Amino acid sequence: MVTFTRRLRTLLAAAALSVAVPLQAGAMPIHNGETLEVKFGFSGPPDIGIPQLPPNDPWRVADVLYGILNATYLGGFGAPQATFALYDGASLLGSFSLTFAQPFTTFAFSSPTGLFNFRSGIASDFSAIIDGTIDGRLLITSTSPADFDFSVSDLQVGHATQASGFIPFSPGARITEQSLLTPPVAVAEPATAALLLAGLTGIAAVRRRSRRGQA
């Protein structure tokens, strides 16, 4: 059993990341300062799915959330850049900035307890990803002066074997929605609106009195 586990770990550690160019679907124009919100979840706890490894084996623990950002140039100038923020509901787990390639670029968040810093981002809490209960939200905000079509594909979870490779787990992440996140429109509260109306009425009354005094 020990010999099998060692051989298995050797094979897994040698696995390198291999990514095919994904098809772009559901792309949305994103301008500087605008944000693409990507919602995702899991149908169950991600696992490497090899019964020979005991349940508490560290190789069965997910420590990488990996994805592909499709980016198609629309216009403008400047290096293509964006910030990536990972949320569990309203709780921020981690964020980082990335200068990306076209037509696609890879990005990933790593657990702070993982052996490897896979890609750039570090998420402070991976527990909801490990047990498959995350209310996943990725916010990708363009910081480039240029305009792009953005979409995310091939969102996966797994275990890093090196700084540039990981073992994908099953079930993978399910992207449920991708949309342009628009800032909320400020609406005046009733009390504020009443004060504003009273102020405008007072200014109008002062102007009328001034005109009468000049007549």
N, C-alpha and C. Protein backbone atom coordinates (compact mmCIF):
# COMPACT_ATOMS: atom_id res chain seq x y z
N MET A 1 0.84 -1.20 0.00
CA MET A 1 0.00 0.00 0.00
C MET A 1 0.87 1.26 0.00
N VAL A 2 1.94 1.24 0.85
CA VAL A 2 2.82 2.39 0.92
C VAL A 2 3.53 2.60 -0.41
N THR A 3 3.98 1.48 -1.03
CA THR A 3 4.67 1.59 -2.32
C THR A 3 3.74 2.14 -3.38
N PHE A 4 2.48 1.68 -3.40
CA PHE A 4 1.51 2.17 -4.39
C PHE A 4 1.27 3.66 -4.22
N THR A 5 1.12 4.09 -2.96
CA THR A 5 0.86 5.51 -2.70
C THR A 5 2.02 6.37 -3.15
N ARG A 6 3.25 5.91 -2.89
CA ARG A 6 4.42 6.68 -3.31
C ARG A 6 4.49 6.78 -4.83
N ARG A 7 4.22 5.68 -5.52
CA ARG A 7 4.24 5.71 -6.99
C ARG A 7 3.16 6.63 -7.52
N LEU A 8 1.98 6.55 -6.89
CA LEU A 8 0.88 7.40 -7.33
C LEU A 8 1.22 8.87 -7.16
N ARG A 9 1.83 9.21 -6.03
CA ARG A 9 2.21 10.60 -5.79
C ARG A 9 3.26 11.06 -6.79
N THR A 10 4.16 10.18 -7.15
CA THR A 10 5.18 10.54 -8.13
C THR A 10 4.55 10.85 -9.48
N LEU A 11 3.57 10.01 -9.88
CA LEU A 11 2.90 10.24 -11.15
C LEU A 11 2.10 11.53 -11.12
N LEU A 12 1.40 11.78 -10.02
CA LEU A 12 0.60 13.00 -9.92
C LEU A 12 1.47 14.24 -9.90
N ALA A 13 2.59 14.16 -9.21
CA ALA A 13 3.49 15.31 -9.14
C ALA A 13 4.08 15.64 -10.49
N ALA A 14 4.18 14.64 -11.36
CA ALA A 14 4.75 14.87 -12.68
C ALA A 14 3.73 15.40 -13.67
N ALA A 15 2.46 15.41 -13.28
CA ALA A 15 1.41 15.88 -14.19
C ALA A 15 1.56 17.37 -14.41
N ALA A 16 1.62 17.79 -15.64
CA ALA A 16 1.77 19.20 -15.98
C ALA A 16 0.44 19.75 -16.47
N LEU A 17 0.29 21.05 -16.29
CA LEU A 17 -0.93 21.71 -16.73
C LEU A 17 -0.97 21.78 -18.24
N SER A 18 -2.08 21.31 -18.82
CA SER A 18 -2.26 21.35 -20.27
C SER A 18 -3.62 21.94 -20.55
N VAL A 19 -3.66 23.07 -21.28
CA VAL A 19 -4.90 23.79 -21.51
C VAL A 19 -5.12 23.96 -23.00
N ALA A 20 -6.29 23.57 -23.47
CA ALA A 20 -6.66 23.80 -24.86
C ALA A 20 -7.33 25.16 -24.97
N VAL A 21 -7.21 25.80 -26.12
CA VAL A 21 -7.85 27.10 -26.33
C VAL A 21 -9.36 26.91 -26.29
N PRO A 22 -10.05 27.55 -25.36
CA PRO A 22 -11.49 27.34 -25.21
C PRO A 22 -12.28 28.16 -26.24
N LEU A 23 -13.48 27.70 -26.51
CA LEU A 23 -14.38 28.48 -27.33
C LEU A 23 -14.94 29.63 -26.50
N GLN A 24 -15.07 30.77 -27.11
CA GLN A 24 -15.58 31.94 -26.40
C GLN A 24 -17.09 31.95 -26.49
N ALA A 25 -17.74 32.04 -25.34
CA ALA A 25 -19.20 32.03 -25.30
C ALA A 25 -19.68 33.07 -24.31
N GLY A 26 -20.76 33.74 -24.65
CA GLY A 26 -21.35 34.70 -23.74
C GLY A 26 -20.48 35.90 -23.44
N ALA A 27 -19.64 36.30 -24.40
CA ALA A 27 -18.73 37.42 -24.16
C ALA A 27 -19.50 38.73 -24.04
N MET A 28 -19.00 39.61 -23.17
CA MET A 28 -19.63 40.90 -22.96
C MET A 28 -18.61 42.01 -23.07
N PRO A 29 -18.95 43.13 -23.72
CA PRO A 29 -18.02 44.26 -23.80
C PRO A 29 -17.77 44.83 -22.41
N ILE A 30 -16.50 44.97 -22.05
CA ILE A 30 -16.11 45.50 -20.75
C ILE A 30 -15.19 46.69 -20.98
N HIS A 31 -15.56 47.84 -20.43
CA HIS A 31 -14.75 49.04 -20.55
C HIS A 31 -13.95 49.25 -19.27
N ASN A 32 -13.06 50.20 -19.29
CA ASN A 32 -12.23 50.51 -18.13
C ASN A 32 -13.11 50.80 -16.90
N GLY A 33 -12.82 50.11 -15.80
CA GLY A 33 -13.58 50.32 -14.58
C GLY A 33 -14.83 49.48 -14.45
N GLU A 34 -15.24 48.79 -15.52
CA GLU A 34 -16.42 47.94 -15.46
C GLU A 34 -16.03 46.53 -15.00
N THR A 35 -17.03 45.79 -14.49
CA THR A 35 -16.76 44.51 -13.84
C THR A 35 -17.63 43.40 -14.43
N LEU A 36 -16.99 42.28 -14.74
CA LEU A 36 -17.69 41.07 -15.12
C LEU A 36 -17.88 40.22 -13.86
N GLU A 37 -19.13 39.91 -13.51
CA GLU A 37 -19.42 39.06 -12.36
C GLU A 37 -19.70 37.65 -12.85
N VAL A 38 -18.97 36.69 -12.30
CA VAL A 38 -19.13 35.28 -12.67
C VAL A 38 -19.56 34.52 -11.43
N LYS A 39 -20.76 33.93 -11.46
CA LYS A 39 -21.26 33.16 -10.33
C LYS A 39 -21.04 31.67 -10.61
N PHE A 40 -20.63 30.94 -9.56
CA PHE A 40 -20.35 29.52 -9.75
C PHE A 40 -20.61 28.75 -8.46
N GLY A 41 -20.65 27.43 -8.58
CA GLY A 41 -20.83 26.56 -7.43
C GLY A 41 -20.42 25.14 -7.78
N PHE A 42 -20.63 24.22 -6.85
CA PHE A 42 -20.29 22.82 -7.05
C PHE A 42 -21.50 21.96 -6.73
N SER A 43 -21.60 20.81 -7.40
CA SER A 43 -22.68 19.88 -7.10
C SER A 43 -22.35 18.99 -5.91
N GLY A 44 -21.11 19.05 -5.45
CA GLY A 44 -20.69 18.26 -4.30
C GLY A 44 -19.25 18.58 -3.95
N PRO A 45 -18.72 18.01 -2.88
CA PRO A 45 -17.33 18.27 -2.50
C PRO A 45 -16.36 17.77 -3.55
N PRO A 46 -15.46 18.61 -4.06
CA PRO A 46 -14.48 18.16 -5.05
C PRO A 46 -13.50 17.16 -4.42
N ASP A 47 -13.13 16.13 -5.18
CA ASP A 47 -12.25 15.09 -4.66
C ASP A 47 -11.46 14.49 -5.81
N ILE A 48 -10.27 13.98 -5.49
CA ILE A 48 -9.43 13.38 -6.52
C ILE A 48 -9.99 12.03 -6.98
N GLY A 49 -10.84 11.42 -6.15
CA GLY A 49 -11.57 10.24 -6.57
C GLY A 49 -10.76 8.97 -6.72
N ILE A 50 -9.69 8.81 -5.95
CA ILE A 50 -8.90 7.59 -6.00
C ILE A 50 -9.05 6.87 -4.67
N PRO A 51 -9.74 5.73 -4.64
CA PRO A 51 -10.04 5.08 -3.35
C PRO A 51 -8.81 4.59 -2.61
N GLN A 52 -7.69 4.37 -3.31
CA GLN A 52 -6.49 3.88 -2.63
C GLN A 52 -5.90 4.92 -1.69
N LEU A 53 -6.23 6.19 -1.89
CA LEU A 53 -5.75 7.24 -1.00
C LEU A 53 -6.74 7.41 0.14
N PRO A 54 -6.28 7.46 1.37
CA PRO A 54 -7.20 7.64 2.50
C PRO A 54 -7.87 9.01 2.44
N PRO A 55 -9.07 9.15 3.03
CA PRO A 55 -9.81 10.41 2.96
C PRO A 55 -9.04 11.60 3.52
N ASN A 56 -8.18 11.39 4.50
CA ASN A 56 -7.44 12.50 5.11
C ASN A 56 -6.10 12.75 4.44
N ASP A 57 -5.84 12.11 3.32
CA ASP A 57 -4.58 12.33 2.61
C ASP A 57 -4.56 13.75 2.06
N PRO A 58 -3.46 14.50 2.27
CA PRO A 58 -3.42 15.90 1.79
C PRO A 58 -3.56 16.02 0.28
N TRP A 59 -3.27 14.96 -0.46
CA TRP A 59 -3.42 15.04 -1.92
C TRP A 59 -4.88 15.06 -2.35
N ARG A 60 -5.78 14.76 -1.43
CA ARG A 60 -7.20 14.80 -1.75
C ARG A 60 -7.81 16.16 -1.43
N VAL A 61 -7.01 17.07 -0.91
CA VAL A 61 -7.51 18.39 -0.50
C VAL A 61 -7.35 19.39 -1.64
N ALA A 62 -8.45 20.04 -2.01
CA ALA A 62 -8.42 21.05 -3.07
C ALA A 62 -7.69 22.29 -2.57
N ASP A 63 -6.74 22.78 -3.34
CA ASP A 63 -6.04 24.01 -2.95
C ASP A 63 -5.82 24.95 -4.13
N VAL A 64 -6.52 24.70 -5.25
CA VAL A 64 -6.41 25.56 -6.43
C VAL A 64 -7.79 25.74 -7.06
N LEU A 65 -8.14 26.98 -7.35
CA LEU A 65 -9.31 27.29 -8.19
C LEU A 65 -8.77 27.95 -9.44
N TYR A 66 -8.96 27.29 -10.58
CA TYR A 66 -8.32 27.68 -11.83
C TYR A 66 -9.37 28.02 -12.88
N GLY A 67 -9.09 29.01 -13.71
CA GLY A 67 -10.03 29.36 -14.77
C GLY A 67 -9.33 29.97 -15.97
N ILE A 68 -10.10 30.19 -17.01
CA ILE A 68 -9.60 30.82 -18.23
C ILE A 68 -10.46 32.04 -18.54
N LEU A 69 -9.81 33.17 -18.71
CA LEU A 69 -10.49 34.39 -19.12
C LEU A 69 -10.30 34.57 -20.61
N ASN A 70 -11.41 34.53 -21.35
CA ASN A 70 -11.37 34.84 -22.77
C ASN A 70 -11.41 36.36 -22.92
N ALA A 71 -10.50 36.90 -23.70
CA ALA A 71 -10.42 38.35 -23.88
C ALA A 71 -10.22 38.67 -25.36
N THR A 72 -11.20 39.34 -25.95
CA THR A 72 -11.13 39.75 -27.34
C THR A 72 -11.04 41.26 -27.41
N TYR A 73 -10.01 41.77 -28.06
CA TYR A 73 -9.77 43.21 -28.16
C TYR A 73 -10.87 43.88 -28.98
N LEU A 74 -11.39 44.99 -28.46
CA LEU A 74 -12.42 45.76 -29.17
C LEU A 74 -11.92 47.11 -29.65
N GLY A 75 -11.07 47.76 -28.88
CA GLY A 75 -10.56 49.07 -29.28
C GLY A 75 -9.87 49.77 -28.13
N GLY A 76 -9.12 50.82 -28.48
CA GLY A 76 -8.39 51.56 -27.48
C GLY A 76 -6.91 51.19 -27.45
N PHE A 77 -6.20 51.72 -26.46
CA PHE A 77 -4.76 51.49 -26.35
C PHE A 77 -4.41 51.14 -24.91
N GLY A 78 -3.27 50.52 -24.74
CA GLY A 78 -2.80 50.19 -23.40
C GLY A 78 -2.73 48.69 -23.17
N ALA A 79 -1.93 48.30 -22.18
CA ALA A 79 -1.77 46.88 -21.86
C ALA A 79 -3.07 46.32 -21.28
N PRO A 80 -3.44 45.13 -21.69
CA PRO A 80 -4.67 44.52 -21.14
C PRO A 80 -4.45 44.07 -19.70
N GLN A 81 -5.22 44.64 -18.78
CA GLN A 81 -5.06 44.35 -17.36
C GLN A 81 -6.43 44.25 -16.69
N ALA A 82 -6.47 43.50 -15.59
CA ALA A 82 -7.70 43.38 -14.82
C ALA A 82 -7.37 42.96 -13.40
N THR A 83 -8.29 43.24 -12.48
CA THR A 83 -8.19 42.72 -11.12
C THR A 83 -9.20 41.58 -10.97
N PHE A 84 -8.80 40.56 -10.21
CA PHE A 84 -9.63 39.39 -9.98
C PHE A 84 -9.91 39.30 -8.48
N ALA A 85 -11.17 39.22 -8.10
CA ALA A 85 -11.55 39.12 -6.69
C ALA A 85 -12.47 37.91 -6.52
N LEU A 86 -12.16 37.07 -5.53
CA LEU A 86 -12.92 35.86 -5.25
C LEU A 86 -13.74 36.06 -3.99
N TYR A 87 -15.05 35.77 -4.08
CA TYR A 87 -15.96 35.94 -2.95
C TYR A 87 -16.69 34.63 -2.65
N ASP A 88 -17.00 34.44 -1.38
CA ASP A 88 -17.98 33.45 -0.95
C ASP A 88 -19.17 34.25 -0.46
N GLY A 89 -20.15 34.43 -1.34
CA GLY A 89 -21.25 35.34 -1.03
C GLY A 89 -20.72 36.76 -0.98
N ALA A 90 -20.86 37.41 0.18
CA ALA A 90 -20.36 38.78 0.34
C ALA A 90 -18.97 38.83 0.96
N SER A 91 -18.41 37.67 1.32
CA SER A 91 -17.11 37.63 1.99
C SER A 91 -15.97 37.55 0.97
N LEU A 92 -15.08 38.54 1.01
CA LEU A 92 -13.92 38.54 0.11
C LEU A 92 -12.90 37.53 0.61
N LEU A 93 -12.49 36.60 -0.29
CA LEU A 93 -11.51 35.59 0.06
C LEU A 93 -10.11 35.95 -0.41
N GLY A 94 -10.00 36.70 -1.49
CA GLY A 94 -8.69 37.08 -2.01
C GLY A 94 -8.82 37.84 -3.30
N SER A 95 -7.78 38.60 -3.65
CA SER A 95 -7.79 39.36 -4.90
C SER A 95 -6.36 39.58 -5.37
N PHE A 96 -6.23 39.85 -6.68
CA PHE A 96 -4.92 40.16 -7.26
C PHE A 96 -5.13 40.81 -8.62
N SER A 97 -4.07 41.40 -9.16
CA SER A 97 -4.10 42.03 -10.48
C SER A 97 -3.29 41.20 -11.46
N LEU A 98 -3.69 41.26 -12.73
CA LEU A 98 -3.04 40.43 -13.74
C LEU A 98 -3.03 41.16 -15.07
N THR A 99 -1.87 41.14 -15.73
CA THR A 99 -1.78 41.57 -17.13
C THR A 99 -1.95 40.32 -17.97
N PHE A 100 -2.94 40.31 -18.85
CA PHE A 100 -3.30 39.07 -19.52
C PHE A 100 -2.98 39.07 -21.00
N ALA A 101 -3.02 37.88 -21.56
CA ALA A 101 -2.74 37.67 -22.98
C ALA A 101 -4.06 37.54 -23.74
N GLN A 102 -3.94 37.51 -25.04
CA GLN A 102 -5.10 37.30 -25.91
C GLN A 102 -4.81 36.11 -26.82
N PRO A 103 -5.82 35.35 -27.23
CA PRO A 103 -7.25 35.56 -26.96
C PRO A 103 -7.72 35.03 -25.61
N PHE A 104 -6.81 34.37 -24.85
CA PHE A 104 -7.23 33.88 -23.53
C PHE A 104 -6.03 33.90 -22.60
N THR A 105 -6.33 33.93 -21.32
CA THR A 105 -5.27 33.86 -20.31
C THR A 105 -5.76 33.03 -19.14
N THR A 106 -4.85 32.37 -18.47
CA THR A 106 -5.22 31.57 -17.31
C THR A 106 -5.06 32.39 -16.04
N PHE A 107 -5.90 32.10 -15.06
CA PHE A 107 -5.79 32.73 -13.75
C PHE A 107 -6.14 31.69 -12.70
N ALA A 108 -5.71 31.90 -11.48
CA ALA A 108 -6.00 30.94 -10.42
C ALA A 108 -5.86 31.56 -9.05
N PHE A 109 -6.60 31.01 -8.10
CA PHE A 109 -6.45 31.34 -6.69
C PHE A 109 -5.91 30.10 -5.98
N SER A 110 -4.97 30.30 -5.06
CA SER A 110 -4.37 29.21 -4.32
C SER A 110 -4.67 29.34 -2.83
N SER A 111 -4.78 28.20 -2.16
CA SER A 111 -4.96 28.19 -0.72
C SER A 111 -3.66 28.58 -0.04
N PRO A 112 -3.73 29.37 1.04
CA PRO A 112 -2.50 29.73 1.76
C PRO A 112 -1.83 28.53 2.43
N THR A 113 -2.57 27.41 2.56
CA THR A 113 -1.99 26.21 3.17
C THR A 113 -1.43 25.25 2.12
N GLY A 114 -1.57 25.58 0.84
CA GLY A 114 -1.05 24.71 -0.21
C GLY A 114 0.47 24.77 -0.27
N LEU A 115 1.05 23.73 -0.88
CA LEU A 115 2.51 23.67 -1.00
C LEU A 115 3.04 24.61 -2.07
N PHE A 116 2.18 24.97 -3.04
CA PHE A 116 2.63 25.80 -4.16
C PHE A 116 1.74 27.02 -4.30
N ASN A 117 2.36 28.15 -4.66
CA ASN A 117 1.62 29.35 -5.01
C ASN A 117 1.30 29.27 -6.50
N PHE A 118 0.19 28.62 -6.81
CA PHE A 118 -0.19 28.40 -8.19
C PHE A 118 -0.74 29.69 -8.80
N ARG A 119 -0.05 30.23 -9.81
CA ARG A 119 -0.39 31.51 -10.42
C ARG A 119 -0.21 32.64 -9.39
N SER A 120 -1.16 33.58 -9.35
CA SER A 120 -0.91 34.83 -8.62
C SER A 120 -1.70 34.98 -7.33
N GLY A 121 -2.96 34.54 -7.30
CA GLY A 121 -3.83 34.91 -6.20
C GLY A 121 -3.77 33.96 -5.02
N ILE A 122 -3.94 34.50 -3.84
CA ILE A 122 -4.03 33.70 -2.61
C ILE A 122 -5.39 33.97 -1.97
N ALA A 123 -6.17 32.91 -1.76
CA ALA A 123 -7.45 33.03 -1.07
C ALA A 123 -7.27 32.67 0.39
N SER A 124 -7.75 33.51 1.28
CA SER A 124 -7.51 33.33 2.71
C SER A 124 -8.26 32.14 3.28
N ASP A 125 -9.35 31.73 2.65
CA ASP A 125 -10.17 30.64 3.17
C ASP A 125 -10.64 29.76 2.01
N PHE A 126 -10.23 28.50 2.02
CA PHE A 126 -10.59 27.56 0.95
C PHE A 126 -11.61 26.53 1.44
N SER A 127 -12.09 26.66 2.67
CA SER A 127 -12.94 25.63 3.25
C SER A 127 -14.23 25.42 2.47
N ALA A 128 -14.87 26.51 2.00
CA ALA A 128 -16.12 26.36 1.27
C ALA A 128 -15.90 25.74 -0.10
N ILE A 129 -14.70 25.88 -0.67
CA ILE A 129 -14.38 25.22 -1.93
C ILE A 129 -14.12 23.74 -1.68
N ILE A 130 -13.42 23.44 -0.57
CA ILE A 130 -13.09 22.05 -0.25
C ILE A 130 -14.35 21.23 -0.02
N ASP A 131 -15.35 21.80 0.69
CA ASP A 131 -16.56 21.02 0.97
C ASP A 131 -17.67 21.27 -0.05
N GLY A 132 -17.41 22.09 -1.07
CA GLY A 132 -18.37 22.27 -2.17
C GLY A 132 -19.57 23.13 -1.83
N THR A 133 -19.48 23.97 -0.81
CA THR A 133 -20.64 24.77 -0.39
C THR A 133 -20.50 26.24 -0.74
N ILE A 134 -19.50 26.61 -1.50
CA ILE A 134 -19.24 28.02 -1.77
C ILE A 134 -20.35 28.66 -2.60
N ASP A 135 -20.73 29.86 -2.20
CA ASP A 135 -21.59 30.73 -3.02
C ASP A 135 -20.63 31.58 -3.84
N GLY A 136 -20.09 30.98 -4.89
CA GLY A 136 -18.95 31.55 -5.59
C GLY A 136 -19.26 32.76 -6.43
N ARG A 137 -18.44 33.80 -6.27
CA ARG A 137 -18.53 34.99 -7.11
C ARG A 137 -17.13 35.43 -7.48
N LEU A 138 -16.89 35.55 -8.77
CA LEU A 138 -15.65 36.12 -9.28
C LEU A 138 -15.96 37.48 -9.86
N LEU A 139 -15.27 38.51 -9.40
CA LEU A 139 -15.44 39.85 -9.95
C LEU A 139 -14.16 40.21 -10.70
N ILE A 140 -14.29 40.37 -12.01
CA ILE A 140 -13.15 40.68 -12.86
C ILE A 140 -13.35 42.10 -13.40
N THR A 141 -12.52 43.02 -12.91
CA THR A 141 -12.67 44.44 -13.25
C THR A 141 -11.54 44.87 -14.17
N SER A 142 -11.91 45.43 -15.30
CA SER A 142 -10.91 45.87 -16.27
C SER A 142 -10.22 47.13 -15.76
N THR A 143 -8.89 47.11 -15.75
CA THR A 143 -8.11 48.29 -15.40
C THR A 143 -7.31 48.77 -16.61
N SER A 144 -7.66 48.29 -17.78
CA SER A 144 -6.98 48.66 -19.01
C SER A 144 -7.72 49.78 -19.72
N PRO A 145 -7.02 50.73 -20.33
CA PRO A 145 -7.70 51.77 -21.11
C PRO A 145 -8.41 51.19 -22.34
N ALA A 146 -7.95 50.02 -22.80
CA ALA A 146 -8.56 49.39 -23.96
C ALA A 146 -9.86 48.68 -23.56
N ASP A 147 -10.70 48.41 -24.56
CA ASP A 147 -11.96 47.72 -24.34
C ASP A 147 -11.86 46.28 -24.84
N PHE A 148 -12.52 45.37 -24.11
CA PHE A 148 -12.45 43.95 -24.45
C PHE A 148 -13.81 43.29 -24.28
N ASP A 149 -13.98 42.17 -24.99
CA ASP A 149 -15.05 41.23 -24.67
C ASP A 149 -14.47 40.25 -23.65
N PHE A 150 -15.14 40.11 -22.51
CA PHE A 150 -14.69 39.18 -21.47
C PHE A 150 -15.67 38.03 -21.33
N SER A 151 -15.16 36.85 -21.07
CA SER A 151 -15.96 35.72 -20.60
C SER A 151 -15.02 34.73 -19.94
N VAL A 152 -15.55 33.93 -19.02
CA VAL A 152 -14.75 32.93 -18.31
C VAL A 152 -15.21 31.54 -18.71
N SER A 153 -14.26 30.66 -18.94
CA SER A 153 -14.58 29.27 -19.27
C SER A 153 -13.66 28.34 -18.51
N ASP A 154 -14.03 27.07 -18.45
CA ASP A 154 -13.19 26.01 -17.92
C ASP A 154 -12.75 26.30 -16.48
N LEU A 155 -13.71 26.68 -15.65
CA LEU A 155 -13.42 26.93 -14.24
C LEU A 155 -13.33 25.59 -13.52
N GLN A 156 -12.17 25.32 -12.89
CA GLN A 156 -11.91 24.04 -12.27
C GLN A 156 -11.36 24.22 -10.86
N VAL A 157 -11.37 23.12 -10.11
CA VAL A 157 -10.74 23.09 -8.80
C VAL A 157 -9.84 21.86 -8.75
N GLY A 158 -8.75 21.95 -8.01
CA GLY A 158 -7.84 20.81 -7.96
C GLY A 158 -6.75 20.99 -6.92
N HIS A 159 -5.70 20.19 -7.10
CA HIS A 159 -4.57 20.20 -6.16
C HIS A 159 -3.30 20.50 -6.93
N ALA A 160 -2.56 21.53 -6.49
CA ALA A 160 -1.35 21.95 -7.19
C ALA A 160 -0.24 20.94 -6.96
N THR A 161 0.46 20.57 -8.05
CA THR A 161 1.62 19.69 -7.97
C THR A 161 2.93 20.45 -8.14
N GLN A 162 2.81 21.67 -8.66
CA GLN A 162 3.97 22.54 -8.84
C GLN A 162 3.42 23.93 -9.13
N ALA A 163 4.30 24.89 -9.34
CA ALA A 163 3.84 26.26 -9.57
C ALA A 163 3.09 26.41 -10.90
N SER A 164 3.23 25.45 -11.81
CA SER A 164 2.58 25.56 -13.13
C SER A 164 1.76 24.33 -13.47
N GLY A 165 1.40 23.52 -12.50
CA GLY A 165 0.61 22.33 -12.79
C GLY A 165 -0.28 21.94 -11.63
N PHE A 166 -1.42 21.30 -11.94
CA PHE A 166 -2.32 20.85 -10.89
C PHE A 166 -3.12 19.65 -11.37
N ILE A 167 -3.66 18.90 -10.41
CA ILE A 167 -4.52 17.76 -10.69
C ILE A 167 -5.97 18.23 -10.60
N PRO A 168 -6.76 18.15 -11.67
CA PRO A 168 -8.16 18.57 -11.59
C PRO A 168 -8.99 17.57 -10.80
N PHE A 169 -9.92 18.09 -9.99
CA PHE A 169 -10.82 17.27 -9.19
C PHE A 169 -12.20 17.21 -9.85
N SER A 170 -13.00 16.30 -9.36
CA SER A 170 -14.38 16.15 -9.83
C SER A 170 -15.30 16.08 -8.60
N PRO A 171 -16.46 16.72 -8.64
CA PRO A 171 -17.00 17.49 -9.76
C PRO A 171 -16.32 18.85 -9.90
N GLY A 172 -16.29 19.34 -11.13
CA GLY A 172 -15.73 20.65 -11.39
C GLY A 172 -16.72 21.75 -11.04
N ALA A 173 -16.22 22.97 -11.07
CA ALA A 173 -17.08 24.12 -10.78
C ALA A 173 -18.08 24.32 -11.90
N ARG A 174 -19.30 24.71 -11.54
CA ARG A 174 -20.36 24.99 -12.51
C ARG A 174 -20.59 26.49 -12.56
N ILE A 175 -20.35 27.09 -13.72
CA ILE A 175 -20.63 28.52 -13.90
C ILE A 175 -22.13 28.67 -14.15
N THR A 176 -22.80 29.41 -13.28
CA THR A 176 -24.25 29.55 -13.39
C THR A 176 -24.68 30.86 -14.03
N GLU A 177 -23.79 31.87 -14.00
CA GLU A 177 -24.19 33.18 -14.56
C GLU A 177 -22.96 34.03 -14.81
N GLN A 178 -22.98 34.77 -15.90
CA GLN A 178 -21.97 35.77 -16.19
C GLN A 178 -22.69 37.04 -16.63
N SER A 179 -22.39 38.14 -15.97
CA SER A 179 -23.11 39.37 -16.28
C SER A 179 -22.25 40.58 -15.97
N LEU A 180 -22.61 41.70 -16.60
CA LEU A 180 -21.95 42.97 -16.34
C LEU A 180 -22.50 43.54 -15.05
N LEU A 181 -21.61 43.77 -14.09
CA LEU A 181 -22.03 44.29 -12.79
C LEU A 181 -22.03 45.81 -12.85
N THR A 182 -23.22 46.39 -12.85
CA THR A 182 -23.34 47.84 -12.93
C THR A 182 -23.47 48.41 -11.53
N PRO A 183 -22.86 49.57 -11.26
CA PRO A 183 -22.98 50.18 -9.93
C PRO A 183 -24.41 50.61 -9.67
N PRO A 184 -24.87 50.54 -8.41
CA PRO A 184 -26.25 50.94 -8.09
C PRO A 184 -26.46 52.43 -8.31
N VAL A 185 -27.65 52.77 -8.78
CA VAL A 185 -28.00 54.17 -8.99
C VAL A 185 -28.45 54.76 -7.66
N ALA A 186 -27.84 55.89 -7.27
CA ALA A 186 -28.18 56.53 -6.00
C ALA A 186 -29.57 57.14 -6.06
N VAL A 187 -30.42 56.76 -5.12
CA VAL A 187 -31.79 57.29 -5.05
C VAL A 187 -31.93 58.04 -3.72
N ALA A 188 -32.37 59.30 -3.81
CA ALA A 188 -32.51 60.12 -2.61
C ALA A 188 -33.60 59.56 -1.70
N GLU A 189 -33.31 59.52 -0.39
CA GLU A 189 -34.32 59.09 0.58
C GLU A 189 -35.42 60.15 0.67
N PRO A 190 -36.64 59.74 1.09
CA PRO A 190 -37.74 60.72 1.17
C PRO A 190 -37.40 61.96 1.99
N ALA A 191 -36.72 61.77 3.13
CA ALA A 191 -36.39 62.93 3.97
C ALA A 191 -35.41 63.85 3.26
N THR A 192 -34.43 63.25 2.57
CA THR A 192 -33.46 64.06 1.83
C THR A 192 -34.14 64.81 0.69
N ALA A 193 -35.05 64.13 -0.01
CA ALA A 193 -35.77 64.77 -1.10
C ALA A 193 -36.61 65.93 -0.60
N ALA A 194 -37.23 65.75 0.58
CA ALA A 194 -38.06 66.83 1.14
C ALA A 194 -37.21 68.04 1.51
N LEU A 195 -36.04 67.81 2.09
CA LEU A 195 -35.14 68.90 2.44
C LEU A 195 -34.68 69.64 1.19
N LEU A 196 -34.37 68.86 0.14
CA LEU A 196 -33.93 69.48 -1.11
C LEU A 196 -35.03 70.35 -1.70
N LEU A 197 -36.27 69.85 -1.67
CA LEU A 197 -37.40 70.61 -2.20
C LEU A 197 -37.62 71.89 -1.39
N ALA A 198 -37.50 71.78 -0.06
CA ALA A 198 -37.69 72.96 0.78
C ALA A 198 -36.61 74.00 0.50
N GLY A 199 -35.37 73.52 0.29
CA GLY A 199 -34.29 74.45 -0.01
C GLY A 199 -34.51 75.18 -1.32
N LEU A 200 -34.94 74.46 -2.36
CA LEU A 200 -35.20 75.08 -3.66
C LEU A 200 -36.35 76.08 -3.57
N THR A 201 -37.38 75.73 -2.77
CA THR A 201 -38.52 76.64 -2.60
C THR A 201 -38.08 77.93 -1.89
N GLY A 202 -37.21 77.79 -0.90
CA GLY A 202 -36.71 78.96 -0.19
C GLY A 202 -35.90 79.86 -1.08
N ILE A 203 -35.05 79.27 -1.94
CA ILE A 203 -34.25 80.07 -2.87
C ILE A 203 -35.14 80.83 -3.83
N ALA A 204 -36.19 80.15 -4.31
CA ALA A 204 -37.11 80.82 -5.24
C ALA A 204 -37.82 81.99 -4.56
N ALA A 205 -38.19 81.81 -3.28
CA ALA A 205 -38.89 82.88 -2.57
C ALA A 205 -37.96 84.08 -2.36
N VAL A 206 -36.69 83.84 -2.04
CA VAL A 206 -35.73 84.92 -1.86
C VAL A 206 -35.55 85.69 -3.15
N ARG A 207 -35.48 84.99 -4.28
CA ARG A 207 -35.32 85.66 -5.56
C ARG A 207 -36.53 86.53 -5.90
N ARG A 208 -37.74 86.05 -5.59
CA ARG A 208 -38.94 86.84 -5.88
C ARG A 208 -38.95 88.12 -5.06
N ARG A 209 -38.58 88.03 -3.78
CA ARG A 209 -38.54 89.21 -2.93
C ARG A 209 -37.50 90.20 -3.43
N SER A 210 -36.37 89.69 -3.90
CA SER A 210 -35.33 90.57 -4.40
C SER A 210 -35.80 91.32 -5.62
N ARG A 211 -36.50 90.63 -6.49
CA ARG A 211 -37.01 91.28 -7.70
C ARG A 211 -38.05 92.37 -7.35
N ARG A 212 -38.90 92.10 -6.37
CA ARG A 212 -39.91 93.08 -5.97
C ARG A 212 -39.26 94.33 -5.38
N GLY A 213 -38.19 94.13 -4.62
CA GLY A 213 -37.51 95.25 -4.01
C GLY A 213 -36.83 96.15 -5.05
N GLN A 214 -36.44 95.57 -6.19
CA GLN A 214 -35.79 96.34 -7.23
C GLN A 214 -36.79 97.06 -8.13
N ALA A 215 -38.08 96.65 -8.06
CA ALA A 215 -39.09 97.24 -8.95
C ALA A 215 -39.44 98.65 -8.48
